[in-house]
Amino acid sequence: MGRTLFSALFVFSAWQKYLEFGVDGGPSAKLLAVKTDLVRTHVAGSLGVILPEVDEKYLLMTGIVLEGLGGILFTVGSNLGAIMLLLFLAAVTPVMHDFYNYEPSSPQFTTEFFQFMKNLSLVGALLFFMAMRSSRSVKTGRKKAKPKTN
């Protein structure tokens, strides 16, 4: 039940983006274009590295697949689904929730910072799930020692 409720967040979000996609990528692609431009500017100004331009429709399509398929696989208990969701969150979180571009006293900073922290908590839940799966497979992989009888 917990995995189903957790993954519903991702599956429904991916479904909504898919329905709005259209020819131009829809509103999600437009927002992504603005956010990637901000990231490109921030990286160029901070690190002096110019990031290549990528069509936001392809980034959005990749995100929809990672989010939707990862959510479905996670529902059935797959580590691959958890990894796909981790990749999605690792790519999306710093780009879409760019609190670092706002003054700490602004309302946008607070909103983006809380959304960033929400995504970090989702990453933590996925890591916890993967650790639990790993420890369960280690426990079931060991054989019990038979008691010695003399």
N, C-alpha and C. Protein backbone atom coordinates (compact mmCIF):
# COMPACT_ATOMS: atom_id res chain seq x y z
N MET A 1 0.83 -1.18 0.00
CA MET A 1 0.00 0.00 0.00
C MET A 1 0.88 1.26 0.00
N GLY A 2 1.95 1.25 0.82
CA GLY A 2 2.84 2.40 0.89
C GLY A 2 3.53 2.69 -0.42
N ARG A 3 4.02 1.63 -1.08
CA ARG A 3 4.68 1.81 -2.38
C ARG A 3 3.70 2.36 -3.41
N THR A 4 2.47 1.90 -3.37
CA THR A 4 1.46 2.35 -4.32
C THR A 4 1.16 3.83 -4.12
N LEU A 5 0.98 4.25 -2.89
CA LEU A 5 0.71 5.66 -2.62
C LEU A 5 1.91 6.53 -2.98
N PHE A 6 3.11 6.05 -2.65
CA PHE A 6 4.33 6.79 -2.97
C PHE A 6 4.50 6.96 -4.47
N SER A 7 4.34 5.87 -5.21
CA SER A 7 4.57 5.92 -6.65
C SER A 7 3.44 6.63 -7.39
N ALA A 8 2.26 6.74 -6.77
CA ALA A 8 1.15 7.44 -7.42
C ALA A 8 1.52 8.89 -7.71
N LEU A 9 2.30 9.49 -6.83
CA LEU A 9 2.77 10.86 -7.05
C LEU A 9 3.49 10.98 -8.39
N PHE A 10 4.36 10.04 -8.68
CA PHE A 10 5.15 10.07 -9.91
C PHE A 10 4.33 9.66 -11.13
N VAL A 11 3.53 8.61 -10.99
CA VAL A 11 2.76 8.10 -12.13
C VAL A 11 1.73 9.14 -12.58
N PHE A 12 1.00 9.73 -11.64
CA PHE A 12 0.00 10.73 -12.01
C PHE A 12 0.64 11.99 -12.59
N SER A 13 1.79 12.37 -12.07
CA SER A 13 2.50 13.53 -12.60
C SER A 13 2.96 13.26 -14.03
N ALA A 14 3.51 12.09 -14.27
CA ALA A 14 3.94 11.73 -15.62
C ALA A 14 2.75 11.68 -16.58
N TRP A 15 1.64 11.13 -16.11
CA TRP A 15 0.45 11.04 -16.95
C TRP A 15 -0.06 12.43 -17.33
N GLN A 16 -0.08 13.35 -16.37
CA GLN A 16 -0.51 14.71 -16.63
C GLN A 16 0.39 15.40 -17.66
N LYS A 17 1.71 15.22 -17.51
CA LYS A 17 2.65 15.80 -18.48
C LYS A 17 2.46 15.20 -19.86
N TYR A 18 2.18 13.90 -19.90
CA TYR A 18 1.95 13.22 -21.17
C TYR A 18 0.70 13.78 -21.86
N LEU A 19 -0.37 13.97 -21.09
CA LEU A 19 -1.62 14.48 -21.67
C LEU A 19 -1.47 15.91 -22.18
N GLU A 20 -0.63 16.71 -21.53
CA GLU A 20 -0.43 18.11 -21.93
C GLU A 20 0.66 18.28 -22.98
N PHE A 21 1.35 17.22 -23.34
CA PHE A 21 2.56 17.32 -24.15
C PHE A 21 2.32 18.02 -25.49
N GLY A 22 1.38 17.56 -26.27
CA GLY A 22 1.08 18.20 -27.56
C GLY A 22 2.27 18.22 -28.51
N VAL A 23 2.25 19.17 -29.44
CA VAL A 23 3.31 19.29 -30.45
C VAL A 23 4.55 19.99 -29.89
N ASP A 24 4.32 20.98 -29.04
CA ASP A 24 5.43 21.79 -28.53
C ASP A 24 5.92 21.39 -27.15
N GLY A 25 5.37 20.34 -26.57
CA GLY A 25 5.79 19.92 -25.24
C GLY A 25 4.89 20.43 -24.13
N GLY A 26 3.99 21.33 -24.46
CA GLY A 26 3.03 21.83 -23.49
C GLY A 26 3.63 22.78 -22.47
N PRO A 27 2.86 23.09 -21.42
CA PRO A 27 3.33 24.06 -20.42
C PRO A 27 4.55 23.57 -19.64
N SER A 28 4.68 22.27 -19.48
CA SER A 28 5.85 21.74 -18.75
C SER A 28 7.14 22.03 -19.52
N ALA A 29 7.10 21.91 -20.84
CA ALA A 29 8.29 22.19 -21.65
C ALA A 29 8.64 23.67 -21.61
N LYS A 30 7.61 24.53 -21.58
CA LYS A 30 7.88 25.97 -21.51
C LYS A 30 8.52 26.35 -20.18
N LEU A 31 8.01 25.79 -19.09
CA LEU A 31 8.60 26.04 -17.78
C LEU A 31 10.01 25.47 -17.70
N LEU A 32 10.20 24.28 -18.27
CA LEU A 32 11.52 23.66 -18.28
C LEU A 32 12.52 24.51 -19.07
N ALA A 33 12.07 25.12 -20.17
CA ALA A 33 12.95 25.97 -20.97
C ALA A 33 13.44 27.16 -20.15
N VAL A 34 12.53 27.77 -19.40
CA VAL A 34 12.91 28.91 -18.56
C VAL A 34 13.91 28.47 -17.49
N LYS A 35 13.61 27.35 -16.84
CA LYS A 35 14.47 26.87 -15.75
C LYS A 35 15.85 26.42 -16.26
N THR A 36 15.90 25.75 -17.42
CA THR A 36 17.20 25.33 -17.95
C THR A 36 18.04 26.53 -18.39
N ASP A 37 17.39 27.58 -18.89
CA ASP A 37 18.12 28.80 -19.22
C ASP A 37 18.74 29.42 -17.97
N LEU A 38 17.99 29.43 -16.87
CA LEU A 38 18.52 29.94 -15.60
C LEU A 38 19.71 29.11 -15.13
N VAL A 39 19.60 27.79 -15.24
CA VAL A 39 20.70 26.91 -14.82
C VAL A 39 21.91 27.14 -15.71
N ARG A 40 21.68 27.25 -17.01
CA ARG A 40 22.77 27.47 -17.96
C ARG A 40 23.50 28.78 -17.62
N THR A 41 22.74 29.82 -17.33
CA THR A 41 23.32 31.12 -16.97
C THR A 41 24.07 31.03 -15.65
N HIS A 42 23.48 30.35 -14.67
CA HIS A 42 24.11 30.20 -13.35
C HIS A 42 25.43 29.43 -13.45
N VAL A 43 25.43 28.33 -14.19
CA VAL A 43 26.65 27.52 -14.34
C VAL A 43 27.71 28.30 -15.10
N ALA A 44 27.32 29.00 -16.16
CA ALA A 44 28.29 29.78 -16.92
C ALA A 44 28.90 30.89 -16.07
N GLY A 45 28.09 31.54 -15.26
CA GLY A 45 28.59 32.62 -14.41
C GLY A 45 29.43 32.13 -13.25
N SER A 46 29.06 30.99 -12.67
CA SER A 46 29.76 30.47 -11.50
C SER A 46 31.00 29.66 -11.86
N LEU A 47 30.86 28.78 -12.83
CA LEU A 47 31.95 27.86 -13.17
C LEU A 47 32.68 28.20 -14.46
N GLY A 48 32.10 29.07 -15.26
CA GLY A 48 32.71 29.42 -16.54
C GLY A 48 32.54 28.34 -17.59
N VAL A 49 31.63 27.40 -17.34
CA VAL A 49 31.37 26.29 -18.27
C VAL A 49 30.07 26.58 -19.02
N ILE A 50 30.13 26.47 -20.32
CA ILE A 50 28.92 26.69 -21.12
C ILE A 50 28.29 25.34 -21.41
N LEU A 51 27.08 25.15 -20.91
CA LEU A 51 26.36 23.90 -21.11
C LEU A 51 25.72 23.90 -22.50
N PRO A 52 25.70 22.75 -23.17
CA PRO A 52 25.09 22.69 -24.50
C PRO A 52 23.57 22.86 -24.42
N GLU A 53 23.00 23.38 -25.47
CA GLU A 53 21.56 23.54 -25.53
C GLU A 53 20.93 22.23 -25.99
N VAL A 54 19.86 21.85 -25.32
CA VAL A 54 19.13 20.63 -25.65
C VAL A 54 17.66 21.02 -25.78
N ASP A 55 16.99 20.44 -26.76
CA ASP A 55 15.57 20.71 -26.93
C ASP A 55 14.82 20.20 -25.71
N GLU A 56 14.06 21.08 -25.08
CA GLU A 56 13.37 20.74 -23.84
C GLU A 56 12.34 19.63 -24.02
N LYS A 57 11.82 19.47 -25.25
CA LYS A 57 10.85 18.40 -25.49
C LYS A 57 11.48 17.04 -25.23
N TYR A 58 12.76 16.88 -25.62
CA TYR A 58 13.43 15.59 -25.41
C TYR A 58 13.74 15.36 -23.93
N LEU A 59 14.10 16.43 -23.24
CA LEU A 59 14.31 16.31 -21.80
C LEU A 59 13.01 15.94 -21.10
N LEU A 60 11.93 16.57 -21.52
CA LEU A 60 10.64 16.29 -20.91
C LEU A 60 10.18 14.86 -21.21
N MET A 61 10.38 14.40 -22.43
CA MET A 61 10.03 13.01 -22.77
C MET A 61 10.81 12.03 -21.92
N THR A 62 12.09 12.28 -21.74
CA THR A 62 12.92 11.42 -20.90
C THR A 62 12.40 11.43 -19.46
N GLY A 63 12.05 12.61 -18.98
CA GLY A 63 11.50 12.72 -17.63
C GLY A 63 10.20 11.96 -17.48
N ILE A 64 9.33 12.05 -18.47
CA ILE A 64 8.04 11.33 -18.42
C ILE A 64 8.27 9.83 -18.34
N VAL A 65 9.20 9.32 -19.14
CA VAL A 65 9.48 7.89 -19.12
C VAL A 65 10.07 7.46 -17.78
N LEU A 66 11.07 8.21 -17.29
CA LEU A 66 11.68 7.86 -16.00
C LEU A 66 10.65 7.91 -14.88
N GLU A 67 9.84 8.96 -14.88
CA GLU A 67 8.86 9.16 -13.81
C GLU A 67 7.73 8.13 -13.90
N GLY A 68 7.18 7.92 -15.07
CA GLY A 68 6.05 7.00 -15.23
C GLY A 68 6.44 5.55 -15.08
N LEU A 69 7.41 5.12 -15.87
CA LEU A 69 7.84 3.73 -15.82
C LEU A 69 8.50 3.41 -14.48
N GLY A 70 9.29 4.35 -13.97
CA GLY A 70 9.91 4.14 -12.66
C GLY A 70 8.88 4.00 -11.57
N GLY A 71 7.81 4.81 -11.62
CA GLY A 71 6.74 4.70 -10.64
C GLY A 71 6.02 3.38 -10.70
N ILE A 72 5.74 2.91 -11.92
CA ILE A 72 5.05 1.62 -12.08
C ILE A 72 5.93 0.49 -11.57
N LEU A 73 7.21 0.50 -11.95
CA LEU A 73 8.11 -0.55 -11.48
C LEU A 73 8.31 -0.51 -9.97
N PHE A 74 8.36 0.69 -9.42
CA PHE A 74 8.50 0.83 -7.96
C PHE A 74 7.30 0.25 -7.24
N THR A 75 6.11 0.39 -7.81
CA THR A 75 4.89 -0.14 -7.20
C THR A 75 4.99 -1.65 -7.00
N VAL A 76 5.59 -2.34 -7.94
CA VAL A 76 5.72 -3.79 -7.82
C VAL A 76 6.97 -4.21 -7.05
N GLY A 77 7.71 -3.23 -6.52
CA GLY A 77 8.85 -3.54 -5.65
C GLY A 77 10.18 -3.69 -6.36
N SER A 78 10.30 -3.13 -7.54
CA SER A 78 11.53 -3.27 -8.32
C SER A 78 12.58 -2.22 -7.92
N ASN A 79 13.82 -2.68 -7.74
CA ASN A 79 14.92 -1.75 -7.50
C ASN A 79 15.17 -0.88 -8.73
N LEU A 80 14.94 -1.42 -9.92
CA LEU A 80 15.12 -0.64 -11.15
C LEU A 80 14.17 0.56 -11.15
N GLY A 81 12.95 0.38 -10.68
CA GLY A 81 12.01 1.48 -10.57
C GLY A 81 12.51 2.55 -9.62
N ALA A 82 13.08 2.12 -8.49
CA ALA A 82 13.63 3.07 -7.52
C ALA A 82 14.81 3.83 -8.12
N ILE A 83 15.64 3.13 -8.88
CA ILE A 83 16.80 3.77 -9.52
C ILE A 83 16.33 4.79 -10.56
N MET A 84 15.30 4.45 -11.33
CA MET A 84 14.77 5.37 -12.33
C MET A 84 14.20 6.63 -11.66
N LEU A 85 13.51 6.45 -10.55
CA LEU A 85 12.97 7.60 -9.83
C LEU A 85 14.09 8.44 -9.22
N LEU A 86 15.13 7.78 -8.74
CA LEU A 86 16.29 8.52 -8.22
C LEU A 86 16.95 9.35 -9.31
N LEU A 87 17.12 8.77 -10.49
CA LEU A 87 17.70 9.52 -11.61
C LEU A 87 16.82 10.71 -11.98
N PHE A 88 15.51 10.49 -12.01
CA PHE A 88 14.59 11.57 -12.31
C PHE A 88 14.72 12.70 -11.30
N LEU A 89 14.69 12.36 -10.01
CA LEU A 89 14.78 13.38 -8.97
C LEU A 89 16.13 14.08 -8.97
N ALA A 90 17.20 13.33 -9.23
CA ALA A 90 18.54 13.94 -9.25
C ALA A 90 18.67 14.96 -10.38
N ALA A 91 18.01 14.70 -11.50
CA ALA A 91 18.09 15.62 -12.63
C ALA A 91 17.12 16.80 -12.47
N VAL A 92 15.95 16.54 -11.96
CA VAL A 92 14.90 17.55 -11.93
C VAL A 92 15.03 18.51 -10.74
N THR A 93 15.39 18.00 -9.58
CA THR A 93 15.35 18.80 -8.36
C THR A 93 16.18 20.07 -8.43
N PRO A 94 17.47 20.01 -8.78
CA PRO A 94 18.24 21.27 -8.79
C PRO A 94 17.85 22.22 -9.92
N VAL A 95 17.23 21.70 -10.97
CA VAL A 95 16.84 22.55 -12.09
C VAL A 95 15.50 23.23 -11.83
N MET A 96 14.52 22.46 -11.43
CA MET A 96 13.17 23.00 -11.28
C MET A 96 12.95 23.75 -9.96
N HIS A 97 13.72 23.43 -8.95
CA HIS A 97 13.55 24.09 -7.65
C HIS A 97 14.82 24.86 -7.32
N ASP A 98 15.02 25.92 -8.07
CA ASP A 98 16.25 26.71 -8.05
C ASP A 98 16.19 27.84 -7.02
N PHE A 99 16.07 27.48 -5.77
CA PHE A 99 16.01 28.47 -4.69
C PHE A 99 17.26 29.35 -4.67
N TYR A 100 18.36 28.85 -5.18
CA TYR A 100 19.64 29.56 -5.18
C TYR A 100 19.63 30.78 -6.11
N ASN A 101 18.62 30.92 -6.94
CA ASN A 101 18.51 32.08 -7.83
C ASN A 101 17.70 33.23 -7.22
N TYR A 102 17.23 33.06 -6.00
CA TYR A 102 16.38 34.07 -5.36
C TYR A 102 17.02 34.57 -4.08
N GLU A 103 16.64 35.76 -3.68
CA GLU A 103 17.08 36.32 -2.40
C GLU A 103 16.40 35.55 -1.27
N PRO A 104 17.11 35.25 -0.19
CA PRO A 104 16.51 34.49 0.91
C PRO A 104 15.26 35.14 1.51
N SER A 105 15.08 36.43 1.38
CA SER A 105 13.91 37.09 1.94
C SER A 105 12.69 37.05 1.01
N SER A 106 12.86 36.56 -0.23
CA SER A 106 11.75 36.57 -1.18
C SER A 106 10.83 35.35 -1.00
N PRO A 107 9.54 35.51 -1.35
CA PRO A 107 8.61 34.37 -1.24
C PRO A 107 8.98 33.23 -2.18
N GLN A 108 9.58 33.55 -3.36
CA GLN A 108 9.97 32.50 -4.30
C GLN A 108 11.05 31.61 -3.68
N PHE A 109 11.96 32.21 -2.92
CA PHE A 109 13.01 31.43 -2.26
C PHE A 109 12.39 30.39 -1.33
N THR A 110 11.45 30.83 -0.52
CA THR A 110 10.81 29.92 0.44
C THR A 110 10.09 28.79 -0.28
N THR A 111 9.31 29.13 -1.30
CA THR A 111 8.57 28.11 -2.05
C THR A 111 9.51 27.11 -2.70
N GLU A 112 10.50 27.61 -3.41
CA GLU A 112 11.43 26.70 -4.11
C GLU A 112 12.27 25.89 -3.13
N PHE A 113 12.65 26.49 -2.01
CA PHE A 113 13.44 25.77 -1.02
C PHE A 113 12.63 24.62 -0.41
N PHE A 114 11.35 24.87 -0.09
CA PHE A 114 10.51 23.81 0.46
C PHE A 114 10.29 22.69 -0.55
N GLN A 115 10.09 23.05 -1.82
CA GLN A 115 9.93 22.02 -2.85
C GLN A 115 11.22 21.23 -3.04
N PHE A 116 12.36 21.91 -2.97
CA PHE A 116 13.65 21.24 -3.06
C PHE A 116 13.80 20.24 -1.91
N MET A 117 13.46 20.67 -0.70
CA MET A 117 13.56 19.79 0.47
C MET A 117 12.58 18.63 0.38
N LYS A 118 11.40 18.86 -0.19
CA LYS A 118 10.43 17.78 -0.39
C LYS A 118 11.02 16.71 -1.29
N ASN A 119 11.65 17.15 -2.38
CA ASN A 119 12.26 16.19 -3.29
C ASN A 119 13.42 15.45 -2.63
N LEU A 120 14.17 16.15 -1.78
CA LEU A 120 15.24 15.46 -1.04
C LEU A 120 14.67 14.38 -0.12
N SER A 121 13.53 14.66 0.49
CA SER A 121 12.92 13.64 1.34
C SER A 121 12.44 12.45 0.52
N LEU A 122 11.98 12.69 -0.71
CA LEU A 122 11.61 11.59 -1.59
C LEU A 122 12.84 10.75 -1.96
N VAL A 123 13.95 11.42 -2.19
CA VAL A 123 15.21 10.70 -2.46
C VAL A 123 15.57 9.83 -1.24
N GLY A 124 15.43 10.40 -0.05
CA GLY A 124 15.71 9.64 1.16
C GLY A 124 14.82 8.41 1.29
N ALA A 125 13.54 8.55 0.97
CA ALA A 125 12.63 7.40 1.04
C ALA A 125 13.03 6.33 0.03
N LEU A 126 13.44 6.74 -1.17
CA LEU A 126 13.88 5.76 -2.17
C LEU A 126 15.16 5.06 -1.73
N LEU A 127 16.09 5.81 -1.15
CA LEU A 127 17.32 5.18 -0.65
C LEU A 127 17.01 4.21 0.49
N PHE A 128 16.08 4.58 1.35
CA PHE A 128 15.66 3.70 2.44
C PHE A 128 15.07 2.41 1.88
N PHE A 129 14.21 2.54 0.86
CA PHE A 129 13.62 1.36 0.22
C PHE A 129 14.70 0.45 -0.34
N MET A 130 15.67 1.04 -1.04
CA MET A 130 16.73 0.23 -1.65
C MET A 130 17.59 -0.44 -0.57
N ALA A 131 17.85 0.25 0.53
CA ALA A 131 18.63 -0.34 1.62
C ALA A 131 17.86 -1.48 2.27
N MET A 132 16.56 -1.32 2.44
CA MET A 132 15.74 -2.39 3.02
C MET A 132 15.72 -3.61 2.10
N ARG A 133 15.60 -3.38 0.81
CA ARG A 133 15.62 -4.50 -0.14
C ARG A 133 16.97 -5.20 -0.11
N SER A 134 18.02 -4.41 0.00
CA SER A 134 19.37 -4.98 0.03
C SER A 134 19.58 -5.79 1.29
N SER A 135 19.18 -5.28 2.43
CA SER A 135 19.39 -6.01 3.68
C SER A 135 18.51 -7.26 3.74
N ARG A 136 17.34 -7.22 3.13
CA ARG A 136 16.48 -8.40 3.10
C ARG A 136 17.09 -9.48 2.23
N SER A 137 17.71 -9.08 1.09
CA SER A 137 18.32 -10.09 0.22
C SER A 137 19.57 -10.68 0.86
N VAL A 138 20.27 -9.90 1.66
CA VAL A 138 21.44 -10.42 2.37
C VAL A 138 21.00 -11.42 3.42
N LYS A 139 19.93 -11.12 4.16
CA LYS A 139 19.44 -12.02 5.20
C LYS A 139 18.93 -13.33 4.61
N THR A 140 18.21 -13.25 3.49
CA THR A 140 17.66 -14.48 2.90
C THR A 140 18.74 -15.27 2.17
N GLY A 141 19.84 -14.64 1.84
CA GLY A 141 20.92 -15.33 1.15
C GLY A 141 21.77 -16.19 2.07
N ARG A 142 21.73 -15.94 3.36
CA ARG A 142 22.51 -16.71 4.32
C ARG A 142 21.75 -17.97 4.72
N LYS A 143 22.49 -19.03 4.90
CA LYS A 143 21.89 -20.26 5.37
C LYS A 143 22.17 -20.39 6.86
N LYS A 144 21.20 -20.93 7.57
CA LYS A 144 21.39 -21.13 9.00
C LYS A 144 22.33 -22.30 9.21
N ALA A 145 23.20 -22.11 10.18
CA ALA A 145 24.12 -23.19 10.52
C ALA A 145 23.37 -24.29 11.27
N LYS A 146 23.64 -25.53 10.89
CA LYS A 146 22.97 -26.63 11.55
C LYS A 146 23.66 -26.90 12.89
N PRO A 147 22.89 -27.15 13.90
CA PRO A 147 23.53 -27.44 15.20
C PRO A 147 24.28 -28.77 15.11
N LYS A 148 25.44 -28.79 15.74
CA LYS A 148 26.26 -29.99 15.73
C LYS A 148 25.77 -30.94 16.82
N THR A 149 25.65 -32.16 16.43
CA THR A 149 25.27 -33.19 17.42
C THR A 149 26.43 -34.14 17.57
N ASN A 150 26.71 -34.49 18.78
CA ASN A 150 27.83 -35.41 19.05
C ASN A 150 27.36 -36.81 19.24
